[in-house]
PDB file of N, CA and C in Angstrom:
ATOM      1  N   MET A   1     -37.854  -2.377 -11.435  1.00  0.00           N
ATOM      2  CA  MET A   1     -36.850  -1.145 -10.612  1.00  0.00           C
ATOM      3  C   MET A   1     -36.993  -0.104 -11.374  1.00  0.00           C
ATOM      4  N   GLY A   2     -37.457   1.006 -10.775  1.00  0.00           N
ATOM      5  CA  GLY A   2     -37.332   2.300 -11.300  1.00  0.00           C
ATOM      6  C   GLY A   2     -35.943   2.940 -11.491  1.00  0.00           C
ATOM      7  N   PRO A   3     -36.071   3.813 -12.294  1.00  0.00           N
ATOM      8  CA  PRO A   3     -34.531   4.235 -12.807  1.00  0.00           C
ATOM      9  C   PRO A   3     -33.894   5.054 -11.664  1.00  0.00           C
ATOM     10  N   GLU A   4     -34.757   5.763 -10.685  1.00  0.00           N
ATOM     11  CA  GLU A   4     -34.297   6.464  -9.647  1.00  0.00           C
ATOM     12  C   GLU A   4     -33.588   5.602  -8.678  1.00  0.00           C
ATOM     13  N   LEU A   5     -34.150   4.484  -8.346  1.00  0.00           N
ATOM     14  CA  LEU A   5     -33.651   3.448  -7.473  1.00  0.00           C
ATOM     15  C   LEU A   5     -32.401   2.661  -8.014  1.00  0.00           C
ATOM     16  N   HIS A   6     -32.518   2.565  -9.230  1.00  0.00           N
ATOM     17  CA  HIS A   6     -31.342   1.827  -9.990  1.00  0.00           C
ATOM     18  C   HIS A   6     -30.056   3.012  -9.940  1.00  0.00           C
ATOM     19  N   TYR A   7     -30.442   4.152 -10.096  1.00  0.00           N
ATOM     20  CA  TYR A   7     -29.284   5.172 -10.007  1.00  0.00           C
ATOM     21  C   TYR A   7     -28.746   5.205  -8.662  1.00  0.00           C
ATOM     22  N   GLN A   8     -29.504   5.086  -7.517  1.00  0.00           N
ATOM     23  CA  GLN A   8     -29.089   5.068  -6.286  1.00  0.00           C
ATOM     24  C   GLN A   8     -28.372   3.811  -5.855  1.00  0.00           C
ATOM     25  N   LEU A   9     -28.799   2.648  -6.287  1.00  0.00           N
ATOM     26  CA  LEU A   9     -27.994   1.433  -6.174  1.00  0.00           C
ATOM     27  C   LEU A   9     -26.559   1.677  -6.911  1.00  0.00           C
ATOM     28  N   ILE A  10     -26.580   2.175  -8.130  1.00  0.00           N
ATOM     29  CA  ILE A  10     -25.294   2.418  -8.729  1.00  0.00           C
ATOM     30  C   ILE A  10     -24.186   3.491  -7.831  1.00  0.00           C
ATOM     31  N   ILE A  11     -24.871   4.523  -7.463  1.00  0.00           N
ATOM     32  CA  ILE A  11     -24.274   5.344  -6.517  1.00  0.00           C
ATOM     33  C   ILE A  11     -23.560   4.636  -5.469  1.00  0.00           C
ATOM     34  N   ASN A  12     -24.264   3.861  -4.752  1.00  0.00           N
ATOM     35  CA  ASN A  12     -23.818   3.284  -3.546  1.00  0.00           C
ATOM     36  C   ASN A  12     -22.799   2.215  -3.736  1.00  0.00           C
ATOM     37  N   ARG A  13     -22.908   1.572  -4.836  1.00  0.00           N
ATOM     38  CA  ARG A  13     -21.964   0.713  -5.384  1.00  0.00           C
ATOM     39  C   ARG A  13     -20.664   1.252  -5.562  1.00  0.00           C
ATOM     40  N   VAL A  14     -20.751   2.264  -6.373  1.00  0.00           N
ATOM     41  CA  VAL A  14     -19.565   3.119  -6.690  1.00  0.00           C
ATOM     42  C   VAL A  14     -18.789   3.630  -5.473  1.00  0.00           C
ATOM     43  N   ALA A  15     -19.443   4.036  -4.403  1.00  0.00           N
ATOM     44  CA  ALA A  15     -18.918   4.426  -3.257  1.00  0.00           C
ATOM     45  C   ALA A  15     -18.268   3.294  -2.512  1.00  0.00           C
ATOM     46  N   GLU A  16     -18.891   2.293  -2.542  1.00  0.00           N
ATOM     47  CA  GLU A  16     -18.352   0.925  -1.785  1.00  0.00           C
ATOM     48  C   GLU A  16     -17.085   0.648  -2.573  1.00  0.00           C
ATOM     49  N   LEU A  17     -16.971   0.607  -3.837  1.00  0.00           N
ATOM     50  CA  LEU A  17     -15.827   0.296  -4.533  1.00  0.00           C
ATOM     51  C   LEU A  17     -14.613   1.257  -4.337  1.00  0.00           C
ATOM     52  N   GLN A  18     -15.084   2.425  -4.074  1.00  0.00           N
ATOM     53  CA  GLN A  18     -14.109   3.564  -4.006  1.00  0.00           C
ATOM     54  C   GLN A  18     -13.431   3.350  -2.392  1.00  0.00           C
ATOM     55  N   ARG A  19     -14.292   2.821  -1.719  1.00  0.00           N
ATOM     56  CA  ARG A  19     -13.631   2.817  -0.175  1.00  0.00           C
ATOM     57  C   ARG A  19     -12.755   1.601  -0.341  1.00  0.00           C
ATOM     58  N   GLU A  20     -13.247   0.490  -0.997  1.00  0.00           N
ATOM     59  CA  GLU A  20     -12.325  -0.727  -0.997  1.00  0.00           C
ATOM     60  C   GLU A  20     -10.962  -0.452  -1.715  1.00  0.00           C
ATOM     61  N   ALA A  21     -10.961   0.467  -2.854  1.00  0.00           N
ATOM     62  CA  ALA A  21      -9.912   0.696  -3.468  1.00  0.00           C
ATOM     63  C   ALA A  21      -8.856   1.555  -2.611  1.00  0.00           C
ATOM     64  N   THR A  22      -9.469   2.436  -1.756  1.00  0.00           N
ATOM     65  CA  THR A  22      -8.664   3.172  -0.841  1.00  0.00           C
ATOM     66  C   THR A  22      -8.083   2.271  -0.036  1.00  0.00           C
ATOM     67  N   SER A  23      -8.802   1.304   0.738  1.00  0.00           N
ATOM     68  CA  SER A  23      -8.283   0.293   1.657  1.00  0.00           C
ATOM     69  C   SER A  23      -7.178  -0.277   0.948  1.00  0.00           C
ATOM     70  N   HIS A  24      -7.399  -0.929  -0.259  1.00  0.00           N
ATOM     71  CA  HIS A  24      -6.151  -1.648  -0.930  1.00  0.00           C
ATOM     72  C   HIS A  24      -4.885  -0.920  -1.250  1.00  0.00           C
ATOM     73  N   ARG A  25      -5.174   0.313  -1.948  1.00  0.00           N
ATOM     74  CA  ARG A  25      -4.019   1.219  -1.885  1.00  0.00           C
ATOM     75  C   ARG A  25      -3.067   1.427  -0.702  1.00  0.00           C
ATOM     76  N   ARG A  26      -3.913   1.785   0.490  1.00  0.00           N
ATOM     77  CA  ARG A  26      -3.044   2.035   1.820  1.00  0.00           C
ATOM     78  C   ARG A  26      -2.335   0.735   2.248  1.00  0.00           C
ATOM     79  N   ALA A  27      -3.137  -0.435   1.948  1.00  0.00           N
ATOM     80  CA  ALA A  27      -2.363  -1.722   2.316  1.00  0.00           C
ATOM     81  C   ALA A  27      -1.136  -1.806   1.450  1.00  0.00           C
ATOM     82  N   ARG A  28      -1.240  -1.529   0.341  1.00  0.00           N
ATOM     83  CA  ARG A  28      -0.008  -1.508  -0.829  1.00  0.00           C
ATOM     84  C   ARG A  28       1.078  -0.608  -0.270  1.00  0.00           C
ATOM     85  N   GLU A  29       0.571   0.618  -0.086  1.00  0.00           N
ATOM     86  CA  GLU A  29       1.602   1.530   0.485  1.00  0.00           C
ATOM     87  C   GLU A  29       2.412   1.118   1.844  1.00  0.00           C
ATOM     88  N   ALA A  30       1.639   0.595   2.568  1.00  0.00           N
ATOM     89  CA  ALA A  30       2.217   0.280   3.975  1.00  0.00           C
ATOM     90  C   ALA A  30       3.175  -0.852   3.628  1.00  0.00           C
ATOM     91  N   GLN A  31       2.699  -1.898   2.727  1.00  0.00           N
ATOM     92  CA  GLN A  31       3.790  -2.935   2.442  1.00  0.00           C
ATOM     93  C   GLN A  31       4.909  -2.504   1.750  1.00  0.00           C
ATOM     94  N   ALA A  32       4.752  -1.581   0.561  1.00  0.00           N
ATOM     95  CA  ALA A  32       5.895  -0.937   0.043  1.00  0.00           C
ATOM     96  C   ALA A  32       6.749  -0.090   1.046  1.00  0.00           C
ATOM     97  N   ALA A  33       6.350   0.539   2.126  1.00  0.00           N
ATOM     98  CA  ALA A  33       7.023   1.377   2.984  1.00  0.00           C
ATOM     99  C   ALA A  33       7.749   0.339   4.064  1.00  0.00           C
ATOM    100  N   LYS A  34       7.137  -0.708   4.338  1.00  0.00           N
ATOM    101  CA  LYS A  34       7.693  -1.821   5.157  1.00  0.00           C
ATOM    102  C   LYS A  34       9.090  -2.519   4.471  1.00  0.00           C
ATOM    103  N   LYS A  35       8.767  -2.638   3.201  1.00  0.00           N
ATOM    104  CA  LYS A  35       9.785  -3.345   2.510  1.00  0.00           C
ATOM    105  C   LYS A  35      10.945  -2.368   2.197  1.00  0.00           C
ATOM    106  N   ALA A  36      10.729  -1.130   1.878  1.00  0.00           N
ATOM    107  CA  ALA A  36      11.708  -0.029   1.626  1.00  0.00           C
ATOM    108  C   ALA A  36      12.522   0.067   3.016  1.00  0.00           C
ATOM    109  N   LYS A  37      11.817   0.045   4.154  1.00  0.00           N
ATOM    110  CA  LYS A  37      12.420   0.024   5.433  1.00  0.00           C
ATOM    111  C   LYS A  37      13.356  -1.158   5.813  1.00  0.00           C
ATOM    112  N   GLN A  38      12.889  -2.251   5.477  1.00  0.00           N
ATOM    113  CA  GLN A  38      13.841  -3.509   5.516  1.00  0.00           C
ATOM    114  C   GLN A  38      15.080  -3.502   4.469  1.00  0.00           C
ATOM    115  N   ARG A  39      14.969  -3.023   3.458  1.00  0.00           N
ATOM    116  CA  ARG A  39      16.003  -2.633   2.450  1.00  0.00           C
ATOM    117  C   ARG A  39      17.050  -1.877   3.031  1.00  0.00           C
ATOM    118  N   SER A  40      16.534  -0.778   3.529  1.00  0.00           N
ATOM    119  CA  SER A  40      17.433   0.297   3.947  1.00  0.00           C
ATOM    120  C   SER A  40      18.100  -0.375   5.093  1.00  0.00           C
ATOM    121  N   GLY A  41      17.740  -1.201   5.868  1.00  0.00           N
ATOM    122  CA  GLY A  41      18.369  -1.968   7.104  1.00  0.00           C
ATOM    123  C   GLY A  41      19.381  -2.923   6.464  1.00  0.00           C
ATOM    124  N   GLU A  42      19.084  -3.390   5.293  1.00  0.00           N
ATOM    125  CA  GLU A  42      19.851  -4.549   4.885  1.00  0.00           C
ATOM    126  C   GLU A  42      21.309  -3.941   4.389  1.00  0.00           C
ATOM    127  N   ARG A  43      20.972  -2.652   3.643  1.00  0.00           N
ATOM    128  CA  ARG A  43      22.123  -1.913   3.069  1.00  0.00           C
ATOM    129  C   ARG A  43      23.032  -1.248   4.319  1.00  0.00           C
ATOM    130  N   SER A  44      22.340  -0.868   5.524  1.00  0.00           N
ATOM    131  CA  SER A  44      23.152  -0.500   6.309  1.00  0.00           C
ATOM    132  C   SER A  44      24.016  -1.609   7.098  1.00  0.00           C
ATOM    133  N   ALA A  45      23.416  -2.698   7.215  1.00  0.00           N
ATOM    134  CA  ALA A  45      24.137  -3.930   7.618  1.00  0.00           C
ATOM    135  C   ALA A  45      25.371  -4.089   6.740  1.00  0.00           C
ATOM    136  N   ARG A  46      25.192  -4.027   5.482  1.00  0.00           N
ATOM    137  CA  ARG A  46      26.087  -4.488   4.497  1.00  0.00           C
ATOM    138  C   ARG A  46      27.274  -3.387   4.495  1.00  0.00           C
ATOM    139  N   ALA A  47      26.886  -2.178   4.548  1.00  0.00           N
ATOM    140  CA  ALA A  47      27.563  -1.065   4.754  1.00  0.00           C
ATOM    141  C   ALA A  47      28.739  -1.338   6.131  1.00  0.00           C
ATOM    142  N   SER A  48      28.205  -1.728   6.976  1.00  0.00           N
ATOM    143  CA  SER A  48      28.871  -1.791   8.254  1.00  0.00           C
ATOM    144  C   SER A  48      29.957  -2.948   8.425  1.00  0.00           C
ATOM    145  N   PHE A  49      29.308  -4.229   7.739  1.00  0.00           N
ATOM    146  CA  PHE A  49      30.356  -5.362   7.655  1.00  0.00           C
ATOM    147  C   PHE A  49      31.497  -5.105   6.597  1.00  0.00           C
ATOM    148  N   GLY A  50      31.133  -4.295   5.678  1.00  0.00           N
ATOM    149  CA  GLY A  50      32.101  -3.862   4.763  1.00  0.00           C
ATOM    150  C   GLY A  50      33.085  -2.936   5.362  1.00  0.00           C
ATOM    151  N   LYS A  51      32.717  -2.028   6.221  1.00  0.00           N
ATOM    152  CA  LYS A  51      33.661  -1.299   6.830  1.00  0.00           C
ATOM    153  C   LYS A  51      34.506  -1.967   7.959  1.00  0.00           C
ATOM    154  N   LEU A  52      33.807  -3.092   8.400  1.00  0.00           N
ATOM    155  CA  LEU A  52      34.719  -3.827   9.340  1.00  0.00           C
ATOM    156  C   LEU A  52      35.772  -4.775   8.685  1.00  0.00           C
ATOM    157  N   ARG A  53      35.451  -5.139   7.454  1.00  0.00           N
ATOM    158  CA  ARG A  53      36.325  -6.006   6.674  1.00  0.00           C
ATOM    159  C   ARG A  53      37.500  -5.289   6.217  1.00  0.00           C
ATOM    160  N   ALA A  54      37.358  -4.127   5.712  1.00  0.00           N
ATOM    161  CA  ALA A  54      38.387  -3.112   5.231  1.00  0.00           C
ATOM    162  C   ALA A  54      39.261  -2.714   6.295  1.00  0.00           C
ATOM    163  N   SER A  55      38.779  -2.609   7.471  1.00  0.00           N
ATOM    164  CA  SER A  55      39.781  -2.147   8.525  1.00  0.00           C
ATOM    165  C   SER A  55      40.964  -3.086   8.928  1.00  0.00           C
TER     166      SER A  55
END
């Protein structure tokens, strides 16, 4: 394999890995946002029940 062909293969592989990393990062960010949304909903429910009991 010539050095130019090898270099092109490396460039293509790096591009693939970067796209894959971007995809995984987006998935982790979406999952974290979903968990944060659920947690804020839980806090709101707790706050509401606390207010009802105190009344």
